[in-house]
Amino acid sequence: SGDYCFYDLPVGTYTVTEENPPNFVDVTDADGPLLQGPNDDTDGTILAVPVGPGENVTAQDFVDEELRTIIGQVLEDEDNDDDGDSPIEGVTVALVDSDGNVVDTTLTGADGNFTFVAEPGVYTLVETNLPGYGDVTDSDGNNPNVIGTVDITTDDDVDNVFVDELQSSVPSGSPTASPTASPTGAPTASPTATPLGSICGTVLEDDDNDDVGDSDAPIVGALISLFDGAGADTDAATPIATTATDESGDYCFYDLPVGTYT
């Protein structure tokens, strides 16, 4: 029934502490803020419990919640059928809460799998492609490197999949000859495609209040979004790509066509 009791206590004032079972975290307790108590902490400690002569003090309760598990996989589409065929190792996946804060980041293993353990709630998963890879699809079918609603309010979520594919600069298919009666212009010796570009940067903490980012204080796991067009309405538009900063605070968007971005 979850009950506990301490018997035969002398008159006095006591502190009661709780040690959570594995995979549980504190929510509140008898003197915590959710129960209008005087203690701002929710760390499993009830302070100043007075016991008088022959008194039975009750309702010194603790409330915990069980952590949930989020599991997913990043796969490569090897045959261009929009299905995942083989695992991709070393892909960064970020867990973002409902306020847009990055809660945690992790890398996929050799089997392409990733796992997060988090408090119950609704989250977003954001995948950062490895260099040379592009997005194909994901579990929710929308922005292909963002799974927008991962609800672990009441249960685990273990069916999250991102599918990527290697980008190729080599044209597909076989060229067909199409001779003309009269040549049009002088041929170029070696025509080349317009090279793709990249946008990279760093997120740093100003830890000495001088309005300058400090190189020894990178911010890991910051969510960065890329929008098409200058001055894009970032509140209304859908980003064309998202990523999270790495352990050095760095981020990059690769393989970008010529254009202007926000």
Protein backbone atom coordinates (compact mmCIF):
# COMPACT_ATOMS: atom_id res chain seq x y z
CA SER A 1 0.00 0.00 0.00
CA GLY A 2 3.06 2.26 0.05
CA ASP A 3 2.65 3.07 3.77
CA TYR A 4 5.46 3.56 6.28
CA CYS A 5 5.57 4.11 10.07
CA PHE A 6 8.07 4.93 12.80
CA TYR A 7 6.83 3.82 16.23
CA ASP A 8 7.64 4.70 19.87
CA LEU A 9 9.20 8.09 19.16
CA PRO A 10 10.10 10.41 22.05
CA VAL A 11 8.65 13.92 22.02
CA GLY A 12 10.63 16.06 19.61
CA THR A 13 10.96 17.46 16.10
CA TYR A 14 12.06 15.19 13.29
CA THR A 15 13.08 15.24 9.63
CA VAL A 16 11.85 12.48 7.34
CA THR A 17 13.75 11.61 4.18
CA GLU A 18 12.90 9.30 1.30
CA GLU A 19 15.33 7.49 -0.99
CA ASN A 20 13.69 6.87 -4.34
CA PRO A 21 13.58 3.36 -5.78
CA PRO A 22 15.52 2.88 -9.03
CA ASN A 23 14.00 4.69 -12.03
CA PHE A 24 11.83 7.01 -9.92
CA VAL A 25 12.16 10.77 -9.30
CA ASP A 26 10.61 13.14 -6.76
CA VAL A 27 7.41 15.06 -7.52
CA THR A 28 6.48 16.52 -4.14
CA ASP A 29 6.06 15.69 -0.47
CA ALA A 30 3.99 16.73 2.55
CA ASP A 31 5.69 20.10 3.02
CA GLY A 32 6.50 20.68 -0.65
CA PRO A 33 5.13 23.42 -2.92
CA LEU A 34 2.54 21.28 -4.74
CA LEU A 35 0.83 20.59 -1.41
CA GLN A 36 1.10 24.25 -0.31
CA GLY A 37 3.84 23.42 2.17
CA PRO A 38 6.58 25.76 3.41
CA ASN A 39 9.47 23.82 1.86
CA ASP A 40 10.47 24.83 -1.69
CA ASP A 41 12.44 21.64 -2.23
CA THR A 42 10.99 18.47 -3.75
CA ASP A 43 14.00 16.34 -2.91
CA GLY A 44 12.30 13.75 -0.76
CA THR A 45 12.80 15.53 2.58
CA ILE A 46 10.04 16.58 5.00
CA LEU A 47 11.43 19.09 7.48
CA ALA A 48 10.41 19.86 11.07
CA VAL A 49 7.83 17.19 11.87
CA PRO A 50 6.81 17.75 15.53
CA VAL A 51 5.72 14.81 17.68
CA GLY A 52 3.96 15.49 20.99
CA PRO A 53 3.29 13.12 23.93
CA GLY A 54 1.40 10.07 22.64
CA GLU A 55 0.79 11.79 19.31
CA ASN A 56 0.38 9.86 16.07
CA VAL A 57 1.48 12.11 13.20
CA THR A 58 0.06 11.00 9.85
CA ALA A 59 -0.09 12.19 6.22
CA GLN A 60 3.65 12.70 5.92
CA ASP A 61 3.45 11.59 2.33
CA PHE A 62 5.86 11.52 -0.61
CA VAL A 63 4.86 11.55 -4.28
CA ASP A 64 7.23 10.14 -6.91
CA GLU A 65 6.91 9.35 -10.58
CA GLU A 66 8.47 6.65 -12.71
CA LEU A 67 10.86 7.64 -15.48
CA ARG A 68 9.90 6.67 -19.02
CA THR A 69 12.00 5.31 -21.87
CA ILE A 70 12.20 6.62 -25.45
CA ILE A 71 13.81 4.28 -27.98
CA GLY A 72 14.43 4.82 -31.68
CA GLN A 73 16.66 4.00 -34.62
CA VAL A 74 18.39 5.79 -37.50
CA LEU A 75 18.50 3.78 -40.73
CA GLU A 76 19.93 4.26 -44.21
CA ASP A 77 17.77 3.90 -47.31
CA GLU A 78 20.15 2.02 -49.60
CA ASP A 79 17.80 1.27 -52.51
CA ASN A 80 15.87 4.55 -52.80
CA ASP A 81 12.52 3.08 -51.75
CA ASP A 82 12.08 5.41 -48.74
CA ASP A 83 12.46 2.51 -46.29
CA GLY A 84 15.32 2.02 -43.85
CA ASP A 85 17.67 -0.81 -44.78
CA SER A 86 20.79 -0.65 -42.59
CA PRO A 87 21.73 1.10 -39.30
CA ILE A 88 23.72 4.34 -39.21
CA GLU A 89 26.14 4.66 -36.28
CA GLY A 90 27.21 7.91 -34.64
CA VAL A 91 24.18 10.07 -35.48
CA THR A 92 23.35 12.78 -32.93
CA VAL A 93 19.76 12.79 -31.65
CA ALA A 94 18.48 15.48 -29.28
CA LEU A 95 15.56 15.23 -26.85
CA VAL A 96 13.68 18.55 -26.63
CA ASP A 97 10.98 19.31 -24.05
CA SER A 98 7.69 21.12 -24.64
CA ASP A 99 9.32 24.49 -23.85
CA GLY A 100 11.96 24.01 -26.55
CA ASN A 101 14.78 23.18 -24.14
CA VAL A 102 17.24 20.44 -25.07
CA VAL A 103 16.97 17.92 -22.22
CA ASP A 104 19.59 15.47 -23.47
CA THR A 105 21.55 14.38 -26.53
CA THR A 106 22.91 10.98 -27.50
CA LEU A 107 24.60 9.13 -30.36
CA THR A 108 23.27 6.09 -32.18
CA GLY A 109 25.13 2.83 -31.59
CA ALA A 110 26.40 0.30 -34.11
CA ASP A 111 22.83 -1.00 -34.43
CA GLY A 112 21.55 2.51 -35.20
CA ASN A 113 19.60 2.57 -31.94
CA PHE A 114 19.30 5.42 -29.46
CA THR A 115 17.68 5.56 -26.01
CA PHE A 116 16.57 8.33 -23.65
CA VAL A 117 15.26 7.96 -20.10
CA ALA A 118 13.20 10.99 -19.09
CA GLU A 119 10.45 12.25 -16.82
CA PRO A 120 6.88 11.76 -18.10
CA GLY A 121 5.80 14.42 -20.60
CA VAL A 122 5.63 15.29 -24.28
CA TYR A 123 8.91 15.69 -26.15
CA THR A 124 10.37 16.24 -29.62
CA LEU A 125 13.22 14.23 -31.15
CA VAL A 126 15.66 16.11 -33.41
CA GLU A 127 18.19 14.26 -35.56
CA THR A 128 21.40 15.80 -36.93
CA ASN A 129 22.48 14.13 -40.15
CA LEU A 130 26.02 12.91 -40.56
CA PRO A 131 27.98 14.76 -43.27
CA GLY A 132 27.02 13.47 -46.69
CA TYR A 133 23.59 12.21 -45.61
CA GLY A 134 20.21 13.71 -46.39
CA ASP A 135 16.77 13.20 -44.88
CA VAL A 136 14.27 10.77 -46.37
CA THR A 137 11.47 10.36 -43.82
CA ASP A 138 10.72 9.63 -40.18
CA SER A 139 8.04 8.16 -37.95
CA ASP A 140 5.62 11.10 -38.02
CA GLY A 141 5.99 11.79 -41.74
CA ASN A 142 6.44 15.54 -41.38
CA ASN A 143 9.78 17.36 -41.11
CA PRO A 144 12.02 14.35 -41.84
CA ASN A 145 14.61 15.00 -39.14
CA VAL A 146 12.13 16.00 -36.41
CA ILE A 147 9.66 13.66 -34.72
CA GLY A 148 7.29 16.24 -33.31
CA THR A 149 5.19 14.48 -30.67
CA VAL A 150 6.78 11.84 -28.47
CA ASP A 151 4.27 11.35 -25.66
CA ILE A 152 5.55 9.46 -22.63
CA THR A 153 3.01 10.86 -20.20
CA THR A 154 1.68 7.42 -19.31
CA ASP A 155 3.91 4.92 -21.10
CA ASP A 156 7.20 4.40 -22.95
CA ASP A 157 7.60 5.26 -26.66
CA VAL A 158 9.81 2.77 -28.48
CA ASP A 159 8.89 3.11 -32.17
CA ASN A 160 10.78 6.17 -33.38
CA VAL A 161 12.61 5.86 -36.70
CA PHE A 162 14.62 8.30 -38.84
CA VAL A 163 15.54 7.28 -42.41
CA ASP A 164 18.45 8.98 -44.21
CA GLU A 165 20.30 8.37 -47.46
CA LEU A 166 23.74 9.14 -48.81
CA GLN A 167 23.77 12.17 -51.06
CA SER A 168 25.43 11.76 -54.45
CA SER A 169 26.81 14.36 -56.81
CA VAL A 170 26.78 11.84 -59.67
CA PRO A 171 23.74 12.20 -61.97
CA SER A 172 21.44 9.19 -62.00
CA GLY A 173 20.29 7.41 -65.15
CA SER A 174 21.88 7.11 -68.58
CA PRO A 175 22.25 10.15 -70.83
CA THR A 176 20.46 10.02 -74.17
CA ALA A 177 21.95 11.42 -77.34
CA SER A 178 20.05 14.30 -78.88
CA PRO A 179 21.98 15.69 -81.87
CA THR A 180 20.89 18.96 -83.43
CA ALA A 181 21.26 20.25 -86.95
CA SER A 182 23.34 23.18 -85.85
CA PRO A 183 25.44 23.43 -82.69
CA THR A 184 24.35 26.02 -80.12
CA GLY A 185 27.31 27.91 -78.73
CA ALA A 186 30.79 26.76 -77.95
CA PRO A 187 31.08 23.70 -75.71
CA THR A 188 32.78 24.09 -72.37
CA ALA A 189 35.77 21.91 -71.68
CA SER A 190 34.60 20.68 -68.30
CA PRO A 191 31.16 21.86 -67.13
CA THR A 192 30.66 21.65 -63.37
CA ALA A 193 27.66 21.80 -61.10
CA THR A 194 27.33 24.69 -58.68
CA PRO A 195 29.02 23.55 -55.47
CA LEU A 196 26.91 23.22 -52.33
CA GLY A 197 27.72 25.27 -49.25
CA SER A 198 27.37 25.05 -45.50
CA ILE A 199 26.49 27.24 -42.53
CA CYS A 200 28.32 26.63 -39.25
CA GLY A 201 28.61 28.40 -35.93
CA THR A 202 29.12 28.06 -32.20
CA VAL A 203 26.96 28.69 -29.14
CA LEU A 204 28.91 29.98 -26.15
CA GLU A 205 28.02 31.04 -22.62
CA ASP A 206 28.88 34.51 -21.35
CA ASP A 207 30.03 33.41 -17.91
CA ASP A 208 31.62 36.71 -16.84
CA ASN A 209 28.83 39.11 -17.89
CA ASP A 210 30.89 41.02 -20.48
CA ASP A 211 28.48 40.29 -23.37
CA VAL A 212 31.14 38.16 -25.07
CA GLY A 213 30.94 34.40 -25.48
CA ASP A 214 33.69 32.61 -23.61
CA SER A 215 35.54 29.98 -25.64
CA ASP A 216 35.96 27.75 -22.59
CA ALA A 217 32.20 27.69 -21.94
CA PRO A 218 30.46 25.99 -24.89
CA ILE A 219 26.75 25.25 -24.59
CA VAL A 220 26.03 21.65 -25.50
CA GLY A 221 22.71 20.54 -26.97
CA ALA A 222 21.34 23.96 -28.01
CA LEU A 223 18.65 23.50 -30.67
CA ILE A 224 19.48 25.36 -33.92
CA SER A 225 16.92 25.75 -36.73
CA LEU A 226 17.51 26.75 -40.36
CA PHE A 227 14.86 28.56 -42.41
CA ASP A 228 14.73 29.26 -46.14
CA GLY A 229 14.87 32.97 -46.97
CA ALA A 230 16.13 36.14 -45.33
CA GLY A 231 14.05 37.40 -42.41
CA ALA A 232 11.81 34.35 -42.40
CA ASP A 233 8.90 34.36 -39.96
CA THR A 234 10.38 31.77 -37.64
CA ASP A 235 7.21 31.64 -35.53
CA ALA A 236 5.04 30.60 -38.47
CA ALA A 237 7.44 28.86 -40.86
CA THR A 238 8.66 25.28 -40.65
CA PRO A 239 12.46 24.95 -40.49
CA ILE A 240 14.09 23.19 -43.42
CA ALA A 241 16.64 21.64 -41.07
CA THR A 242 17.44 21.47 -37.37
CA THR A 243 20.46 20.37 -35.41
CA ALA A 244 21.92 20.52 -31.90
CA THR A 245 25.28 21.87 -30.79
CA ASP A 246 27.96 19.29 -30.03
CA GLU A 247 30.30 19.02 -27.04
CA SER A 248 32.28 22.02 -28.34
CA GLY A 249 29.15 24.14 -28.80
CA ASP A 250 29.52 23.85 -32.59
CA TYR A 251 26.81 23.25 -35.17
CA CYS A 252 26.75 22.90 -38.98
CA PHE A 253 24.24 22.63 -41.80
CA TYR A 254 25.82 20.92 -44.81
CA ASP A 255 25.04 20.55 -48.53
CA LEU A 256 23.11 23.82 -48.89
CA PRO A 257 22.16 25.14 -52.35
CA VAL A 258 23.03 28.73 -53.22
CA GLY A 259 20.56 31.02 -51.45
CA THR A 260 19.79 33.16 -48.43
CA TYR A 261 18.87 31.60 -45.11
CA THR A 262 17.75 32.54 -41.61
